[in-house]
C-alpha atoms as a PDB file:
ATOM      1  CA  MET A   1     103.953 112.776  83.690  1.00  0.00           C
ATOM      2  CA  SER A   2     107.598 112.868  83.321  1.00  0.00           C
ATOM      3  CA  SER A   3     109.551 112.060  80.710  1.00  0.00           C
ATOM      4  CA  GLU A   4     112.565 110.756  83.018  1.00  0.00           C
ATOM      5  CA  GLN A   5     112.114 106.782  81.886  1.00  0.00           C
ATOM      6  CA  VAL A   6     114.341 104.285  83.363  1.00  0.00           C
ATOM      7  CA  LEU A   7     115.559 102.140  80.196  1.00  0.00           C
ATOM      8  CA  ILE A   8     117.034  98.571  79.305  1.00  0.00           C
ATOM      9  CA  ASP A   9     117.886  97.052  76.108  1.00  0.00           C
ATOM     10  CA  LEU A  10     117.883  92.827  76.043  1.00  0.00           C
ATOM     11  CA  ARG A  11     119.961  92.098  73.599  1.00  0.00           C
ATOM     12  CA  ASN A  12     122.520  92.882  76.336  1.00  0.00           C
ATOM     13  CA  LEU A  13     120.559  90.314  78.521  1.00  0.00           C
ATOM     14  CA  GLU A  14     120.441  87.265  75.856  1.00  0.00           C
ATOM     15  CA  GLY A  15     123.658  86.166  76.788  1.00  0.00           C
ATOM     16  CA  GLY A  16     121.945  85.780  80.597  1.00  0.00           C
ATOM     17  CA  GLU A  17     124.053  88.145  81.519  1.00  0.00           C
ATOM     18  CA  GLN A  18     122.663  90.628  84.893  1.00  0.00           C
ATOM     19  CA  CYS A  19     122.291  93.936  84.689  1.00  0.00           C
ATOM     20  CA  THR A  20     122.450  96.273  87.470  1.00  0.00           C
ATOM     21  CA  LEU A  21     120.756 100.011  87.113  1.00  0.00           C
ATOM     22  CA  LYS A  22     120.940 102.754  90.132  1.00  0.00           C
ATOM     23  CA  GLY A  23     119.660 105.975  89.839  1.00  0.00           C
ATOM     24  CA  VAL A  24     117.525 108.157  91.500  1.00  0.00           C
ATOM     25  CA  LEU A  25     113.801 109.763  90.003  1.00  0.00           C
ATOM     26  CA  PRO A  26     111.868 112.608  90.473  1.00  0.00           C
ATOM     27  CA  PRO A  27     108.263 112.604  92.788  1.00  0.00           C
ATOM     28  CA  ALA A  28     106.727 113.647  88.955  1.00  0.00           C
ATOM     29  CA  THR A  29     107.825 110.615  87.348  1.00  0.00           C
ATOM     30  CA  LEU A  30     104.864 108.885  89.604  1.00  0.00           C
ATOM     31  CA  SER A  31     102.095 110.671  87.653  1.00  0.00           C
ATOM     32  CA  LEU A  32      99.723 111.413  90.570  1.00  0.00           C
ATOM     33  CA  ASP A  33      98.309 115.259  90.948  1.00  0.00           C
ATOM     34  CA  PRO A  34     101.001 118.160  91.667  1.00  0.00           C
ATOM     35  CA  SER A  35      99.210 118.435  95.063  1.00  0.00           C
ATOM     36  CA  GLU A  36     100.285 114.830  96.112  1.00  0.00           C
ATOM     37  CA  THR A  37     103.316 115.129  94.186  1.00  0.00           C
ATOM     38  CA  LYS A  38     105.155 117.361  96.864  1.00  0.00           C
ATOM     39  CA  GLN A  39     104.707 115.600  99.651  1.00  0.00           C
ATOM     40  CA  PHE A  40     107.262 112.633  98.403  1.00  0.00           C
ATOM     41  CA  SER A  41     111.021 112.895  97.915  1.00  0.00           C
ATOM     42  CA  VAL A  42     113.278 111.822  95.600  1.00  0.00           C
ATOM     43  CA  ILE A  43     113.076 107.867  94.657  1.00  0.00           C
ATOM     44  CA  GLU A  44     116.381 106.194  94.860  1.00  0.00           C
ATOM     45  CA  TYR A  45     116.219 103.021  93.368  1.00  0.00           C
ATOM     46  CA  LYS A  46     118.422 100.087  92.553  1.00  0.00           C
ATOM     47  CA  LEU A  47     116.921  96.992  89.821  1.00  0.00           C
ATOM     48  CA  GLU A  48     119.085  93.699  88.668  1.00  0.00           C
ATOM     49  CA  VAL A  49     117.655  92.632  85.353  1.00  0.00           C
ATOM     50  CA  GLN A  50     118.059  89.283  83.829  1.00  0.00           C
ATOM     51  CA  ILE A  51     115.960  87.470  81.467  1.00  0.00           C
ATOM     52  CA  VAL A  52     115.459  83.552  83.270  1.00  0.00           C
ATOM     53  CA  GLY A  53     113.482  81.047  80.721  1.00  0.00           C
ATOM     54  CA  GLU A  54     110.755  83.083  78.611  1.00  0.00           C
ATOM     55  CA  SER A  55     111.263  86.047  81.271  1.00  0.00           C
ATOM     56  CA  LEU A  56     112.981  89.497  82.894  1.00  0.00           C
ATOM     57  CA  LEU A  57     113.009  88.951  86.638  1.00  0.00           C
ATOM     58  CA  VAL A  58     113.949  92.091  88.130  1.00  0.00           C
ATOM     59  CA  ARG A  59     114.838  92.720  91.944  1.00  0.00           C
ATOM     60  CA  ALA A  60     114.271  95.686  93.081  1.00  0.00           C
ATOM     61  CA  ASP A  61     115.823  98.265  95.889  1.00  0.00           C
ATOM     62  CA  ILE A  62     113.384 101.704  95.723  1.00  0.00           C
ATOM     63  CA  ARG A  63     113.878 104.048  98.895  1.00  0.00           C
ATOM     64  CA  GLY A  64     111.910 107.531  99.394  1.00  0.00           C
ATOM     65  CA  GLU A  65     110.705 109.892 101.669  1.00  0.00           C
ATOM     66  CA  GLN A  66     106.980 111.065 102.045  1.00  0.00           C
ATOM     67  CA  LYS A  67     105.694 113.700 104.061  1.00  0.00           C
ATOM     68  CA  ASN A  68     101.751 113.430 105.381  1.00  0.00           C
ATOM     69  CA  PRO A  69      99.847 115.163 108.313  1.00  0.00           C
ATOM     70  CA  CYS A  70     100.137 113.526 111.402  1.00  0.00           C
ATOM     71  CA  ARG A  71      95.927 112.501 111.554  1.00  0.00           C
ATOM     72  CA  ILE A  72      95.477 113.989 115.192  1.00  0.00           C
ATOM     73  CA  CYS A  73      97.347 117.333 115.271  1.00  0.00           C
ATOM     74  CA  ASN A  74      98.718 117.968 111.996  1.00  0.00           C
ATOM     75  CA  LYS A  75     102.567 117.740 112.166  1.00  0.00           C
ATOM     76  CA  LEU A  76     104.038 116.756 109.232  1.00  0.00           C
ATOM     77  CA  VAL A  77     106.187 113.532 109.814  1.00  0.00           C
ATOM     78  CA  VAL A  78     108.380 112.380 107.904  1.00  0.00           C
ATOM     79  CA  SER A  79     107.797 108.366 107.449  1.00  0.00           C
ATOM     80  CA  LEU A  80     111.023 106.287 105.425  1.00  0.00           C
ATOM     81  CA  ILE A  81     109.594 104.580 102.245  1.00  0.00           C
ATOM     82  CA  GLU A  82     110.842 100.908 102.005  1.00  0.00           C
ATOM     83  CA  VAL A  83     111.125  98.663  98.957  1.00  0.00           C
ATOM     84  CA  ILE A  84     113.746  95.911  99.516  1.00  0.00           C
ATOM     85  CA  GLN A  85     114.520  92.866  97.194  1.00  0.00           C
ATOM     86  CA  VAL A  86     111.460  92.737  95.432  1.00  0.00           C
ATOM     87  CA  ASN A  87     111.027  90.432  92.826  1.00  0.00           C
ATOM     88  CA  GLU A  88     109.122  90.712  89.284  1.00  0.00           C
ATOM     89  CA  VAL A  89     108.637  89.024  86.524  1.00  0.00           C
ATOM     90  CA  MET A  90     107.490  90.235  83.295  1.00  0.00           C
ATOM     91  CA  PRO A  91     106.842  87.645  81.228  1.00  0.00           C
ATOM     92  CA  LEU A  92     108.526  87.947  77.824  1.00  0.00           C
ATOM     93  CA  ASP A  93     105.643  87.155  75.090  1.00  0.00           C
ATOM     94  CA  ASP A  94     104.290  91.286  76.127  1.00  0.00           C
ATOM     95  CA  ILE A  95     107.173  93.070  75.914  1.00  0.00           C
ATOM     96  CA  LYS A  96     107.269  94.706  72.458  1.00  0.00           C
ATOM     97  CA  GLY A  97     110.963  95.825  70.966  1.00  0.00           C
ATOM     98  CA  TYR A  98     113.288  95.770  72.587  1.00  0.00           C
ATOM     99  CA  LYS A  99     113.399  98.121  75.209  1.00  0.00           C
ATOM    100  CA  VAL A 100     112.265  97.838  78.015  1.00  0.00           C
ATOM    101  CA  ASP A 101     110.385 101.137  80.719  1.00  0.00           C
ATOM    102  CA  LEU A 102     111.059 100.026  84.028  1.00  0.00           C
ATOM    103  CA  THR A 103     109.704 103.500  85.218  1.00  0.00           C
ATOM    104  CA  THR A 104     106.159 101.959  85.943  1.00  0.00           C
ATOM    105  CA  LEU A 105     107.255  99.462  87.618  1.00  0.00           C
ATOM    106  CA  ILE A 106     109.495 101.559  89.973  1.00  0.00           C
ATOM    107  CA  ARG A 107     106.395 103.412  90.408  1.00  0.00           C
ATOM    108  CA  ASN A 108     103.434 100.991  91.420  1.00  0.00           C
ATOM    109  CA  LEU A 109     105.668  98.911  94.301  1.00  0.00           C
ATOM    110  CA  PHE A 110     107.265 102.520  95.861  1.00  0.00           C
ATOM    111  CA  LEU A 111     103.308 103.897  95.868  1.00  0.00           C
ATOM    112  CA  MET A 112     102.698 100.630  97.140  1.00  0.00           C
ATOM    113  CA  GLU A 113     103.846 101.070 100.178  1.00  0.00           C
ATOM    114  CA  ALA A 114     103.060 105.394 100.427  1.00  0.00           C
ATOM    115  CA  PHE A 115     101.104 105.724 104.243  1.00  0.00           C
ATOM    116  CA  ASP A 116      97.240 107.043 103.834  1.00  0.00           C
ATOM    117  CA  VAL A 117      97.333 107.881 107.527  1.00  0.00           C
ATOM    118  CA  VAL A 118     100.159 108.604 109.661  1.00  0.00           C
ATOM    119  CA  GLU A 119     100.473 109.158 113.364  1.00  0.00           C
ATOM    120  CA  CYS A 120     103.130 110.999 115.263  1.00  0.00           C
ATOM    121  CA  ASN A 121     105.168 109.210 117.609  1.00  0.00           C
ATOM    122  CA  SER A 122     105.400 106.393 115.737  1.00  0.00           C
ATOM    123  CA  GLY A 123     101.551 106.208 116.942  1.00  0.00           C
ATOM    124  CA  SER A 124     101.207 107.761 119.508  1.00  0.00           C
ATOM    125  CA  CYS A 125     100.759 111.481 119.234  1.00  0.00           C
ATOM    126  CA  ILE A 126     100.558 112.877 122.769  1.00  0.00           C
ATOM    127  CA  GLU A 127      97.387 115.268 121.413  1.00  0.00           C
ATOM    128  CA  ARG A 128      95.836 111.836 120.990  1.00  0.00           C
ATOM    129  CA  SER A 129      94.420 112.182 124.846  1.00  0.00           C
ATOM    130  CA  GLU A 130      92.479 115.851 123.335  1.00  0.00           C
ATOM    131  CA  VAL A 131      90.805 113.996 120.817  1.00  0.00           C
ATOM    132  CA  GLU A 132      89.440 111.081 122.933  1.00  0.00           C
ATOM    133  CA  ASN A 133      87.298 113.055 125.225  1.00  0.00           C
ATOM    134  CA  PHE A 134      86.948 115.031 122.834  1.00  0.00           C
ATOM    135  CA  LEU A 135      84.503 112.358 121.054  1.00  0.00           C
ATOM    136  CA  LYS A 136      83.809 110.880 124.265  1.00  0.00           C
ATOM    137  CA  ARG A 137      81.335 114.222 125.042  1.00  0.00           C
ATOM    138  CA  LYS A 138      77.935 112.925 125.297  1.00  0.00           C
ATOM    139  CA  ARG A 139      75.723 114.857 122.262  1.00  0.00           C
ATOM    140  CA  LEU A 140      72.290 116.529 123.812  1.00  0.00           C
ATOM    141  CA  SER A 141      70.929 114.519 120.682  1.00  0.00           C
ATOM    142  CA  SER A 142      71.748 111.084 118.314  1.00  0.00           C
ATOM    143  CA  SER A 143      71.027 113.097 115.502  1.00  0.00           C
ATOM    144  CA  PRO A 144      71.026 116.431 115.082  1.00  0.00           C
ATOM    145  CA  PHE A 145      67.676 116.588 113.570  1.00  0.00           C
ATOM    146  CA  ASP A 146      66.277 115.705 116.317  1.00  0.00           C
ATOM    147  CA  SER A 147      64.275 118.909 117.519  1.00  0.00           C
ATOM    148  CA  LEU A 148      62.909 119.710 113.942  1.00  0.00           C
ATOM    149  CA  THR A 149      60.631 117.072 114.117  1.00  0.00           C
END
């Protein structure tokens, strides 16, 4: 894990004030395998943090890009990942001390929106028909082991 942290001091929020944090995090903060980390750009974030009652309210705007191969033609596809005005509530009883690291919150919100499988041309890869034709071809037998018996 990277040493990058997004820290907020709760003592600055005791009067009901709202605090805004803006910045960027490198993909290394996602705690992924290095080969997986390469598919992400830097993560831009804007967090509005406020104490409401007995909870810490965090409104998050997060943006970044992900590069994945198209599932059909294997060309690299760049996808935008956006998390807009998502509210997260953290009970103050669960927070130890006065400083809260919001890096894990940013990581989790960002990765929940990440794409596992993508297809170029907005889901209409031009090579799809070629792949579908290949899959429709009849096989000599339904099982490759039928000829062994």
